[in-house]
């Protein structure tokens, strides 16, 4: 977890020239990006999980 924080900070500082009117290490921006990425990953894994829950496991095993 610490390595991810350090990596994110290094990337943010290297991309600082592309940012307008915010600093590279703005805590609100880091929090918003973390929340956005978390929600995207949860939404992306929710659809396959729901489809897998509807599948009959015995039919899936017999097909193998």
C-alpha atoms as a PDB file:
ATOM      1  CA  UNK A   1       0.000   0.000   0.000  1.00  0.00           C
ATOM      2  CA  UNK A   2       2.841   2.353   0.825  1.00  0.00           C
ATOM      3  CA  UNK A   3       4.560   1.519  -2.462  1.00  0.00           C
ATOM      4  CA  UNK A   4       1.397   2.499  -4.343  1.00  0.00           C
ATOM      5  CA  UNK A   5       1.258   5.821  -2.502  1.00  0.00           C
ATOM      6  CA  UNK A   6       4.871   6.554  -3.313  1.00  0.00           C
ATOM      7  CA  UNK A   7       4.361   5.553  -6.947  1.00  0.00           C
ATOM      8  CA  UNK A   8       1.248   7.706  -7.259  1.00  0.00           C
ATOM      9  CA  UNK A   9       3.074  10.682  -5.808  1.00  0.00           C
ATOM     10  CA  UNK A  10       5.998  10.246  -8.213  1.00  0.00           C
ATOM     11  CA  UNK A  11       3.685   9.975 -11.212  1.00  0.00           C
ATOM     12  CA  UNK A  12       1.702  13.007 -10.066  1.00  0.00           C
ATOM     13  CA  UNK A  13       4.827  15.090  -9.709  1.00  0.00           C
ATOM     14  CA  UNK A  14       6.036  14.061 -13.162  1.00  0.00           C
ATOM     15  CA  UNK A  15       2.677  15.054 -14.685  1.00  0.00           C
ATOM     16  CA  UNK A  16       2.482  18.357 -12.786  1.00  0.00           C
ATOM     17  CA  UNK A  17       3.000  20.399 -15.944  1.00  0.00           C
ATOM     18  CA  UNK A  18      -0.276  19.019 -17.351  1.00  0.00           C
ATOM     19  CA  UNK A  19      -2.329  20.075 -14.311  1.00  0.00           C
ATOM     20  CA  UNK A  20      -4.073  23.431 -14.255  1.00  0.00           C
ATOM     21  CA  UNK A  21      -4.905  25.337 -11.046  1.00  0.00           C
ATOM     22  CA  UNK A  22      -4.207  22.424  -8.678  1.00  0.00           C
ATOM     23  CA  UNK A  23      -1.053  21.100  -7.113  1.00  0.00           C
ATOM     24  CA  UNK A  24       0.342  17.697  -8.001  1.00  0.00           C
ATOM     25  CA  UNK A  25      -0.241  16.320  -4.530  1.00  0.00           C
ATOM     26  CA  UNK A  26      -3.718  17.727  -3.839  1.00  0.00           C
ATOM     27  CA  UNK A  27      -5.365  15.355  -1.316  1.00  0.00           C
ATOM     28  CA  UNK A  28      -8.869  15.958  -2.700  1.00  0.00           C
ATOM     29  CA  UNK A  29      -7.747  14.948  -6.183  1.00  0.00           C
ATOM     30  CA  UNK A  30      -5.997  11.809  -4.894  1.00  0.00           C
ATOM     31  CA  UNK A  31      -9.137  10.861  -2.965  1.00  0.00           C
ATOM     32  CA  UNK A  32     -11.412  11.496  -5.940  1.00  0.00           C
ATOM     33  CA  UNK A  33      -9.234   9.408  -8.248  1.00  0.00           C
ATOM     34  CA  UNK A  34      -9.052   6.568  -5.716  1.00  0.00           C
ATOM     35  CA  UNK A  35     -12.840   6.643  -5.326  1.00  0.00           C
ATOM     36  CA  UNK A  36     -13.340   6.728  -9.094  1.00  0.00           C
ATOM     37  CA  UNK A  37     -11.005   3.784  -9.736  1.00  0.00           C
ATOM     38  CA  UNK A  38     -12.575   1.774  -6.916  1.00  0.00           C
ATOM     39  CA  UNK A  39     -16.093   2.341  -8.213  1.00  0.00           C
ATOM     40  CA  UNK A  40     -15.078   1.445 -11.781  1.00  0.00           C
ATOM     41  CA  UNK A  41     -13.438  -1.799 -10.654  1.00  0.00           C
ATOM     42  CA  UNK A  42     -16.450  -2.742  -8.529  1.00  0.00           C
ATOM     43  CA  UNK A  43     -18.853  -2.025 -11.386  1.00  0.00           C
ATOM     44  CA  UNK A  44     -16.681  -3.994 -13.795  1.00  0.00           C
ATOM     45  CA  UNK A  45     -16.616  -7.047 -11.572  1.00  0.00           C
ATOM     46  CA  UNK A  46     -20.269  -6.856 -10.546  1.00  0.00           C
ATOM     47  CA  UNK A  47     -21.713  -7.840 -13.947  1.00  0.00           C
ATOM     48  CA  UNK A  48     -19.702 -11.081 -14.343  1.00  0.00           C
ATOM     49  CA  UNK A  49     -20.370 -11.976 -10.701  1.00  0.00           C
ATOM     50  CA  UNK A  50     -24.121 -11.567 -11.150  1.00  0.00           C
ATOM     51  CA  UNK A  51     -24.051 -13.656 -14.334  1.00  0.00           C
ATOM     52  CA  UNK A  52     -22.058 -16.375 -12.583  1.00  0.00           C
ATOM     53  CA  UNK A  53     -24.564 -16.445  -9.732  1.00  0.00           C
ATOM     54  CA  UNK A  54     -27.409 -17.119 -12.170  1.00  0.00           C
ATOM     55  CA  UNK A  55     -25.636 -20.062 -13.809  1.00  0.00           C
ATOM     56  CA  UNK A  56     -26.474 -23.564 -12.627  1.00  0.00           C
ATOM     57  CA  UNK A  57     -23.193 -24.975 -11.325  1.00  0.00           C
ATOM     58  CA  UNK A  58     -24.039 -28.592 -12.134  1.00  0.00           C
ATOM     59  CA  UNK A  59     -24.713 -27.735 -15.775  1.00  0.00           C
ATOM     60  CA  UNK A  60     -21.455 -25.812 -15.974  1.00  0.00           C
ATOM     61  CA  UNK A  61     -19.501 -28.693 -14.458  1.00  0.00           C
ATOM     62  CA  UNK A  62     -21.100 -31.273 -16.749  1.00  0.00           C
ATOM     63  CA  UNK A  63     -20.208 -29.177 -19.806  1.00  0.00           C
ATOM     64  CA  UNK A  64     -16.527 -29.397 -18.941  1.00  0.00           C
END
